[in-house]
Amino acid sequence: MYLTRLVLILAVAQLAAIAQDQPPPPRPARSFIRTTGEAVVNTKPDQARIDIGVTTQGPTAQAAAAQNARQLDAVVNEIKKAFGNAAELKTIGYSVNPDYRYPKQGGEPTIAGYTANNILQIKMSDLAQVGKLIDLATQSGANRVQGVQFSLKDESAVQSEALREAAVKARTKADALASASGVKILRVMSLEEGGANIIRPMMAMAMEARAQGPAPPTPVESGTIEVRANVTLMVEIGQ
């Protein structure tokens, strides 16, 4: 009797060990649909940035810098007089460098003089006044206009709009694929942002001092700002 009970205990233990060694049954494979959505949103800019400068030359660094300061002061005063607080000004670059003369027959170069550069950045919201500001700056002493860039004071709203449209397009594609395949979308597995790139219109200018005499007003067109967004959507599907 005791022997029979022992054999049964050993058999049960052996079966339990075998059961533990068995791998768990495989989970049923899940199916997915992956789509991408792209969107482009265009909007009008509400801010302009104008980079203008004064370049002067002199026999010494002090002379070039002093002349530069006089011309730039005249430019700043005229802009403030005409636009007041509507134009936000700040200096973004300043340099005084020697100008070298190189002998035709070779040899050591000599300093022929100095060049001073001062770059002023101006921001304004009244885009219709950008051309007038450029004309006023060049007439009062600025002899470089490096460029005009248009932008938005707050870019987050248009970025969000582009991302929403991209997500809707990605989901519309997933719905269409699921419907065509005779399956249902069970849940969203992931939604990844691929980025929202902003393309800002820029008016490239490399303007030297205007010739003396009247000139037509500088035409400036702000264009539109383009925001491109893309997202990747993955959904689980089933019957």
C-alpha atoms as a PDB file:
ATOM      1  CA  MET A   1       0.000   0.000   0.000  1.00  0.00           C
ATOM      2  CA  TYR A   2       2.786   2.352   0.980  1.00  0.00           C
ATOM      3  CA  LEU A   3       4.709   1.466  -2.187  1.00  0.00           C
ATOM      4  CA  THR A   4       1.702   2.213  -4.382  1.00  0.00           C
ATOM      5  CA  ARG A   5       1.215   5.607  -2.767  1.00  0.00           C
ATOM      6  CA  LEU A   6       4.891   6.439  -3.258  1.00  0.00           C
ATOM      7  CA  VAL A   7       4.743   5.523  -6.939  1.00  0.00           C
ATOM      8  CA  LEU A   8       1.696   7.778  -7.393  1.00  0.00           C
ATOM      9  CA  ILE A   9       3.437  10.687  -5.665  1.00  0.00           C
ATOM     10  CA  LEU A  10       6.515  10.284  -7.867  1.00  0.00           C
ATOM     11  CA  ALA A  11       4.372  10.089 -11.004  1.00  0.00           C
ATOM     12  CA  VAL A  12       2.490  13.268 -10.111  1.00  0.00           C
ATOM     13  CA  ALA A  13       5.755  15.070  -9.374  1.00  0.00           C
ATOM     14  CA  GLN A  14       7.196  13.934 -12.695  1.00  0.00           C
ATOM     15  CA  LEU A  15       4.140  15.154 -14.590  1.00  0.00           C
ATOM     16  CA  ALA A  16       4.333  18.517 -12.814  1.00  0.00           C
ATOM     17  CA  ALA A  17       7.998  18.860 -13.773  1.00  0.00           C
ATOM     18  CA  ILE A  18       7.232  18.015 -17.384  1.00  0.00           C
ATOM     19  CA  ALA A  19       4.415  20.574 -17.400  1.00  0.00           C
ATOM     20  CA  GLN A  20       6.755  23.253 -16.058  1.00  0.00           C
ATOM     21  CA  ASP A  21       9.299  22.522 -18.790  1.00  0.00           C
ATOM     22  CA  GLN A  22       6.728  23.010 -21.527  1.00  0.00           C
ATOM     23  CA  PRO A  23       6.791  26.481 -23.167  1.00  0.00           C
ATOM     24  CA  PRO A  24       3.608  28.556 -22.842  1.00  0.00           C
ATOM     25  CA  PRO A  25       1.273  28.379 -25.803  1.00  0.00           C
ATOM     26  CA  PRO A  26       2.104  30.992 -28.429  1.00  0.00           C
ATOM     27  CA  ARG A  27       0.032  34.158 -28.438  1.00  0.00           C
ATOM     28  CA  PRO A  28      -2.034  34.711 -31.517  1.00  0.00           C
ATOM     29  CA  ALA A  29      -0.265  36.981 -33.998  1.00  0.00           C
ATOM     30  CA  ARG A  30      -1.551  40.534 -34.149  1.00  0.00           C
ATOM     31  CA  SER A  31      -1.972  42.436 -37.384  1.00  0.00           C
ATOM     32  CA  PHE A  32      -1.235  46.098 -37.909  1.00  0.00           C
ATOM     33  CA  ILE A  33      -1.675  48.863 -40.443  1.00  0.00           C
ATOM     34  CA  ARG A  34       0.913  51.612 -40.656  1.00  0.00           C
ATOM     35  CA  THR A  35       0.201  54.852 -42.498  1.00  0.00           C
ATOM     36  CA  THR A  36       1.673  58.322 -42.832  1.00  0.00           C
ATOM     37  CA  GLY A  37      -0.056  61.656 -43.140  1.00  0.00           C
ATOM     38  CA  GLU A  38       1.335  64.893 -44.537  1.00  0.00           C
ATOM     39  CA  ALA A  39      -0.165  68.367 -44.407  1.00  0.00           C
ATOM     40  CA  VAL A  40       0.785  71.838 -45.620  1.00  0.00           C
ATOM     41  CA  VAL A  41      -0.650  74.960 -44.010  1.00  0.00           C
ATOM     42  CA  ASN A  42      -0.091  78.424 -45.474  1.00  0.00           C
ATOM     43  CA  THR A  43      -0.527  81.606 -43.468  1.00  0.00           C
ATOM     44  CA  LYS A  44       0.328  85.268 -43.731  1.00  0.00           C
ATOM     45  CA  PRO A  45       3.331  86.499 -41.721  1.00  0.00           C
ATOM     46  CA  ASP A  46       2.792  89.129 -39.057  1.00  0.00           C
ATOM     47  CA  GLN A  47       6.375  90.217 -38.433  1.00  0.00           C
ATOM     48  CA  ALA A  48       9.340  91.346 -40.523  1.00  0.00           C
ATOM     49  CA  ARG A  49      13.042  91.365 -39.705  1.00  0.00           C
ATOM     50  CA  ILE A  50      15.268  93.711 -41.669  1.00  0.00           C
ATOM     51  CA  ASP A  51      19.062  93.549 -41.386  1.00  0.00           C
ATOM     52  CA  ILE A  52      20.724  96.784 -42.471  1.00  0.00           C
ATOM     53  CA  GLY A  53      24.251  97.976 -41.971  1.00  0.00           C
ATOM     54  CA  VAL A  54      26.766 100.753 -42.275  1.00  0.00           C
ATOM     55  CA  THR A  55      30.204 100.125 -43.749  1.00  0.00           C
ATOM     56  CA  THR A  56      32.843 102.848 -43.505  1.00  0.00           C
ATOM     57  CA  GLN A  57      36.551 103.089 -44.257  1.00  0.00           C
ATOM     58  CA  GLY A  58      39.314 105.247 -42.825  1.00  0.00           C
ATOM     59  CA  PRO A  59      43.089 105.522 -42.618  1.00  0.00           C
ATOM     60  CA  THR A  60      42.973 104.355 -38.997  1.00  0.00           C
ATOM     61  CA  ALA A  61      40.708 102.047 -37.024  1.00  0.00           C
ATOM     62  CA  GLN A  62      39.545 104.987 -34.918  1.00  0.00           C
ATOM     63  CA  ALA A  63      38.663 107.053 -37.984  1.00  0.00           C
ATOM     64  CA  ALA A  64      36.697 104.225 -39.591  1.00  0.00           C
ATOM     65  CA  ALA A  65      34.860 103.499 -36.332  1.00  0.00           C
ATOM     66  CA  ALA A  66      34.061 107.156 -35.676  1.00  0.00           C
ATOM     67  CA  GLN A  67      32.623 107.673 -39.153  1.00  0.00           C
ATOM     68  CA  ASN A  68      30.632 104.463 -38.783  1.00  0.00           C
ATOM     69  CA  ALA A  69      29.168 105.619 -35.466  1.00  0.00           C
ATOM     70  CA  ARG A  70      28.120 108.978 -36.952  1.00  0.00           C
ATOM     71  CA  GLN A  71      26.355 107.351 -39.909  1.00  0.00           C
ATOM     72  CA  LEU A  72      24.649 104.694 -37.826  1.00  0.00           C
ATOM     73  CA  ASP A  73      23.475 107.244 -35.273  1.00  0.00           C
ATOM     74  CA  ALA A  74      21.871 109.209 -38.102  1.00  0.00           C
ATOM     75  CA  VAL A  75      20.122 106.051 -39.361  1.00  0.00           C
ATOM     76  CA  VAL A  76      18.849 105.096 -35.899  1.00  0.00           C
ATOM     77  CA  ASN A  77      17.597 108.615 -35.175  1.00  0.00           C
ATOM     78  CA  GLU A  78      15.654 108.810 -38.441  1.00  0.00           C
ATOM     79  CA  ILE A  79      14.091 105.388 -37.924  1.00  0.00           C
ATOM     80  CA  LYS A  80      13.052 106.203 -34.355  1.00  0.00           C
ATOM     81  CA  LYS A  81      11.681 109.566 -35.466  1.00  0.00           C
ATOM     82  CA  ALA A  82       9.595 107.981 -38.228  1.00  0.00           C
ATOM     83  CA  PHE A  83       8.449 104.760 -36.540  1.00  0.00           C
ATOM     84  CA  GLY A  84       8.897 105.201 -32.801  1.00  0.00           C
ATOM     85  CA  ASN A  85       8.226 102.041 -30.798  1.00  0.00           C
ATOM     86  CA  ALA A  86       6.808 100.298 -33.877  1.00  0.00           C
ATOM     87  CA  ALA A  87      10.379  99.428 -34.881  1.00  0.00           C
ATOM     88  CA  GLU A  88      12.461  97.311 -32.493  1.00  0.00           C
ATOM     89  CA  LEU A  89      16.196  97.885 -33.028  1.00  0.00           C
ATOM     90  CA  LYS A  90      19.250  96.008 -31.846  1.00  0.00           C
ATOM     91  CA  THR A  91      22.858  95.576 -32.987  1.00  0.00           C
ATOM     92  CA  ILE A  92      23.674  92.055 -34.161  1.00  0.00           C
ATOM     93  CA  GLY A  93      27.178  92.543 -35.552  1.00  0.00           C
ATOM     94  CA  TYR A  94      30.132  94.895 -35.291  1.00  0.00           C
ATOM     95  CA  SER A  95      33.694  94.669 -36.582  1.00  0.00           C
ATOM     96  CA  VAL A  96      36.722  96.808 -37.460  1.00  0.00           C
ATOM     97  CA  ASN A  97      39.252  95.093 -39.702  1.00  0.00           C
ATOM     98  CA  PRO A  98      42.424  96.181 -41.481  1.00  0.00           C
ATOM     99  CA  ASP A  99      42.492  96.441 -45.278  1.00  0.00           C
ATOM    100  CA  TYR A 100      45.683  94.970 -46.709  1.00  0.00           C
ATOM    101  CA  ARG A 101      47.495  96.031 -49.852  1.00  0.00           C
ATOM    102  CA  TYR A 102      49.408  93.199 -51.512  1.00  0.00           C
ATOM    103  CA  PRO A 103      52.447  94.101 -53.626  1.00  0.00           C
ATOM    104  CA  LYS A 104      52.207  92.994 -57.242  1.00  0.00           C
ATOM    105  CA  GLN A 105      55.702  91.550 -57.106  1.00  0.00           C
ATOM    106  CA  GLY A 106      55.015  89.654 -53.894  1.00  0.00           C
ATOM    107  CA  GLY A 107      56.309  90.325 -50.435  1.00  0.00           C
ATOM    108  CA  GLU A 108      54.734  91.300 -47.170  1.00  0.00           C
ATOM    109  CA  PRO A 109      51.321  93.037 -47.363  1.00  0.00           C
ATOM    110  CA  THR A 110      50.874  96.450 -45.817  1.00  0.00           C
ATOM    111  CA  ILE A 111      47.851  97.979 -44.112  1.00  0.00           C
ATOM    112  CA  ALA A 112      46.154 100.454 -46.449  1.00  0.00           C
ATOM    113  CA  GLY A 113      43.375 101.422 -44.048  1.00  0.00           C
ATOM    114  CA  TYR A 114      40.538 100.025 -41.977  1.00  0.00           C
ATOM    115  CA  THR A 115      36.919  99.021 -42.575  1.00  0.00           C
ATOM    116  CA  ALA A 116      34.231  99.216 -39.902  1.00  0.00           C
ATOM    117  CA  ASN A 117      30.959  97.284 -40.189  1.00  0.00           C
ATOM    118  CA  ASN A 118      27.914  97.657 -37.983  1.00  0.00           C
ATOM    119  CA  ILE A 119      24.799  95.537 -38.592  1.00  0.00           C
ATOM    120  CA  LEU A 120      21.460  96.610 -37.175  1.00  0.00           C
ATOM    121  CA  GLN A 121      18.460  94.285 -36.889  1.00  0.00           C
ATOM    122  CA  ILE A 122      15.020  95.865 -37.043  1.00  0.00           C
ATOM    123  CA  LYS A 123      11.756  94.065 -36.256  1.00  0.00           C
ATOM    124  CA  MET A 124       8.351  95.512 -37.082  1.00  0.00           C
ATOM    125  CA  SER A 125       4.771  94.297 -37.300  1.00  0.00           C
ATOM    126  CA  ASP A 126       3.474  96.717 -39.929  1.00  0.00           C
ATOM    127  CA  LEU A 127       4.599  94.865 -43.042  1.00  0.00           C
ATOM    128  CA  ALA A 128       3.300  97.610 -45.317  1.00  0.00           C
ATOM    129  CA  GLN A 129       5.994  99.921 -43.912  1.00  0.00           C
ATOM    130  CA  VAL A 130       8.989  97.667 -44.629  1.00  0.00           C
ATOM    131  CA  GLY A 131       9.802  99.288 -47.977  1.00  0.00           C
ATOM    132  CA  LYS A 132       9.535 102.759 -46.452  1.00  0.00           C
ATOM    133  CA  LEU A 133      11.889 101.779 -43.634  1.00  0.00           C
ATOM    134  CA  ILE A 134      14.485 100.434 -46.073  1.00  0.00           C
ATOM    135  CA  ASP A 135      14.329 103.637 -48.128  1.00  0.00           C
ATOM    136  CA  LEU A 136      14.628 105.809 -45.038  1.00  0.00           C
ATOM    137  CA  ALA A 137      17.596 103.799 -43.743  1.00  0.00           C
ATOM    138  CA  THR A 138      19.541 104.004 -47.008  1.00  0.00           C
ATOM    139  CA  GLN A 139      18.764 107.696 -47.462  1.00  0.00           C
ATOM    140  CA  SER A 140      20.019 108.516 -43.965  1.00  0.00           C
ATOM    141  CA  GLY A 141      23.336 106.653 -44.133  1.00  0.00           C
ATOM    142  CA  ALA A 142      22.900 102.888 -44.303  1.00  0.00           C
ATOM    143  CA  ASN A 143      24.802 101.433 -47.241  1.00  0.00           C
ATOM    144  CA  ARG A 144      24.070  97.737 -46.744  1.00  0.00           C
ATOM    145  CA  VAL A 145      20.738  95.909 -46.733  1.00  0.00           C
ATOM    146  CA  GLN A 146      21.492  92.252 -46.063  1.00  0.00           C
ATOM    147  CA  GLY A 147      17.998  90.853 -46.250  1.00  0.00           C
ATOM    148  CA  VAL A 148      14.397  90.867 -45.134  1.00  0.00           C
ATOM    149  CA  GLN A 149      12.768  87.859 -43.465  1.00  0.00           C
ATOM    150  CA  PHE A 150       9.086  87.460 -42.676  1.00  0.00           C
ATOM    151  CA  SER A 151       7.897  85.351 -39.761  1.00  0.00           C
ATOM    152  CA  LEU A 152       5.193  84.782 -37.154  1.00  0.00           C
ATOM    153  CA  LYS A 153       5.278  86.108 -33.619  1.00  0.00           C
ATOM    154  CA  ASP A 154       3.701  82.838 -32.425  1.00  0.00           C
ATOM    155  CA  GLU A 155       4.429  79.816 -34.612  1.00  0.00           C
ATOM    156  CA  SER A 156       2.998  77.162 -32.269  1.00  0.00           C
ATOM    157  CA  ALA A 157      -0.641  77.609 -33.362  1.00  0.00           C
ATOM    158  CA  VAL A 158       0.040  77.023 -37.056  1.00  0.00           C
ATOM    159  CA  GLN A 159       2.379  74.126 -36.240  1.00  0.00           C
ATOM    160  CA  SER A 160      -0.392  72.480 -34.209  1.00  0.00           C
ATOM    161  CA  GLU A 161      -2.866  73.009 -37.037  1.00  0.00           C
ATOM    162  CA  ALA A 162      -0.534  71.329 -39.539  1.00  0.00           C
ATOM    163  CA  LEU A 163       0.042  68.373 -37.198  1.00  0.00           C
ATOM    164  CA  ARG A 164      -3.705  67.927 -36.639  1.00  0.00           C
ATOM    165  CA  GLU A 165      -4.351  67.850 -40.377  1.00  0.00           C
ATOM    166  CA  ALA A 166      -1.515  65.362 -40.895  1.00  0.00           C
ATOM    167  CA  ALA A 167      -2.916  63.081 -38.155  1.00  0.00           C
ATOM    168  CA  VAL A 168      -6.404  63.189 -39.694  1.00  0.00           C
ATOM    169  CA  LYS A 169      -4.991  62.214 -43.086  1.00  0.00           C
ATOM    170  CA  ALA A 170      -3.038  59.319 -41.573  1.00  0.00           C
ATOM    171  CA  ARG A 171      -6.194  58.015 -39.840  1.00  0.00           C
ATOM    172  CA  THR A 172      -8.255  58.418 -43.020  1.00  0.00           C
ATOM    173  CA  LYS A 173      -5.733  56.272 -44.870  1.00  0.00           C
ATOM    174  CA  ALA A 174      -5.826  53.622 -42.141  1.00  0.00           C
ATOM    175  CA  ASP A 175      -9.654  53.548 -42.190  1.00  0.00           C
ATOM    176  CA  ALA A 176      -9.652  53.155 -45.965  1.00  0.00           C
ATOM    177  CA  LEU A 177      -7.136  50.297 -45.879  1.00  0.00           C
ATOM    178  CA  ALA A 178      -9.000  48.492 -43.087  1.00  0.00           C
ATOM    179  CA  SER A 179     -12.323  48.842 -44.909  1.00  0.00           C
ATOM    180  CA  ALA A 180     -10.836  47.574 -48.180  1.00  0.00           C
ATOM    181  CA  SER A 181      -9.367  44.562 -46.341  1.00  0.00           C
ATOM    182  CA  GLY A 182     -12.597  43.695 -44.532  1.00  0.00           C
ATOM    183  CA  VAL A 183     -11.163  44.229 -41.071  1.00  0.00           C
ATOM    184  CA  LYS A 184     -11.741  46.648 -38.209  1.00  0.00           C
ATOM    185  CA  ILE A 185      -9.382  48.995 -36.428  1.00  0.00           C
ATOM    186  CA  LEU A 186      -9.203  47.767 -32.838  1.00  0.00           C
ATOM    187  CA  ARG A 187      -6.969  50.415 -31.314  1.00  0.00           C
ATOM    188  CA  VAL A 188      -4.236  52.942 -32.033  1.00  0.00           C
ATOM    189  CA  MET A 189      -0.830  51.528 -31.165  1.00  0.00           C
ATOM    190  CA  SER A 190       1.293  54.598 -31.803  1.00  0.00           C
ATOM    191  CA  LEU A 191       1.207  58.045 -33.363  1.00  0.00           C
ATOM    192  CA  GLU A 192       4.591  59.613 -34.019  1.00  0.00           C
ATOM    193  CA  GLU A 193       5.335  63.155 -35.048  1.00  0.00           C
ATOM    194  CA  GLY A 194       7.728  63.417 -37.953  1.00  0.00           C
ATOM    195  CA  GLY A 195       8.200  67.156 -37.548  1.00  0.00           C
ATOM    196  CA  ALA A 196       6.647  70.461 -38.515  1.00  0.00           C
ATOM    197  CA  ASN A 197       8.967  72.443 -40.759  1.00  0.00           C
ATOM    198  CA  ILE A 198       8.433  76.156 -41.255  1.00  0.00           C
ATOM    199  CA  ILE A 199       9.459  77.772 -44.521  1.00  0.00           C
ATOM    200  CA  ARG A 200       9.743  81.520 -44.023  1.00  0.00           C
ATOM    201  CA  PRO A 201       9.772  83.832 -47.027  1.00  0.00           C
ATOM    202  CA  MET A 202      12.944  85.846 -47.344  1.00  0.00           C
ATOM    203  CA  MET A 203      13.698  88.786 -49.576  1.00  0.00           C
ATOM    204  CA  ALA A 204      17.389  88.457 -50.347  1.00  0.00           C
ATOM    205  CA  MET A 205      19.121  91.793 -50.788  1.00  0.00           C
ATOM    206  CA  ALA A 206      22.737  92.800 -51.168  1.00  0.00           C
ATOM    207  CA  MET A 207      22.291  96.506 -51.608  1.00  0.00           C
ATOM    208  CA  GLU A 208      25.046  99.079 -51.602  1.00  0.00           C
ATOM    209  CA  ALA A 209      24.468 102.804 -51.212  1.00  0.00           C
ATOM    210  CA  ARG A 210      21.949 104.209 -53.687  1.00  0.00           C
ATOM    211  CA  ALA A 211      23.063 106.631 -56.333  1.00  0.00           C
ATOM    212  CA  GLN A 212      22.277 110.281 -55.672  1.00  0.00           C
ATOM    213  CA  GLY A 213      18.907 111.445 -56.874  1.00  0.00           C
ATOM    214  CA  PRO A 214      15.312 110.343 -56.428  1.00  0.00           C
ATOM    215  CA  ALA A 215      14.551 106.647 -56.607  1.00  0.00           C
ATOM    216  CA  PRO A 216      11.269 104.751 -56.693  1.00  0.00           C
ATOM    217  CA  PRO A 217      10.078 103.237 -53.374  1.00  0.00           C
ATOM    218  CA  THR A 218      11.470  99.814 -52.618  1.00  0.00           C
ATOM    219  CA  PRO A 219       8.764  97.202 -53.360  1.00  0.00           C
ATOM    220  CA  VAL A 220       8.418  94.519 -50.687  1.00  0.00           C
ATOM    221  CA  GLU A 221       6.045  91.532 -50.885  1.00  0.00           C
ATOM    222  CA  SER A 222       5.683  89.471 -47.720  1.00  0.00           C
ATOM    223  CA  GLY A 223       4.318  86.321 -49.390  1.00  0.00           C
ATOM    224  CA  THR A 224       3.104  83.468 -47.182  1.00  0.00           C
ATOM    225  CA  ILE A 225       4.658  81.221 -44.567  1.00  0.00           C
ATOM    226  CA  GLU A 226       4.446  77.520 -45.317  1.00  0.00           C
ATOM    227  CA  VAL A 227       4.312  74.927 -42.548  1.00  0.00           C
ATOM    228  CA  ARG A 228       4.787  71.261 -43.470  1.00  0.00           C
ATOM    229  CA  ALA A 229       3.993  68.493 -40.985  1.00  0.00           C
ATOM    230  CA  ASN A 230       4.015  64.698 -41.153  1.00  0.00           C
ATOM    231  CA  VAL A 231       3.007  61.948 -38.733  1.00  0.00           C
ATOM    232  CA  THR A 232       3.185  58.142 -38.697  1.00  0.00           C
ATOM    233  CA  LEU A 233       0.226  56.128 -37.376  1.00  0.00           C
ATOM    234  CA  MET A 234       0.148  52.445 -36.412  1.00  0.00           C
ATOM    235  CA  VAL A 235      -3.155  50.709 -35.597  1.00  0.00           C
ATOM    236  CA  GLU A 236      -4.025  47.160 -34.636  1.00  0.00           C
ATOM    237  CA  ILE A 237      -6.637  45.454 -36.814  1.00  0.00           C
ATOM    238  CA  GLY A 238      -8.850  42.402 -36.408  1.00  0.00           C
ATOM    239  CA  GLN A 239     -12.136  40.809 -37.419  1.00  0.00           C
END
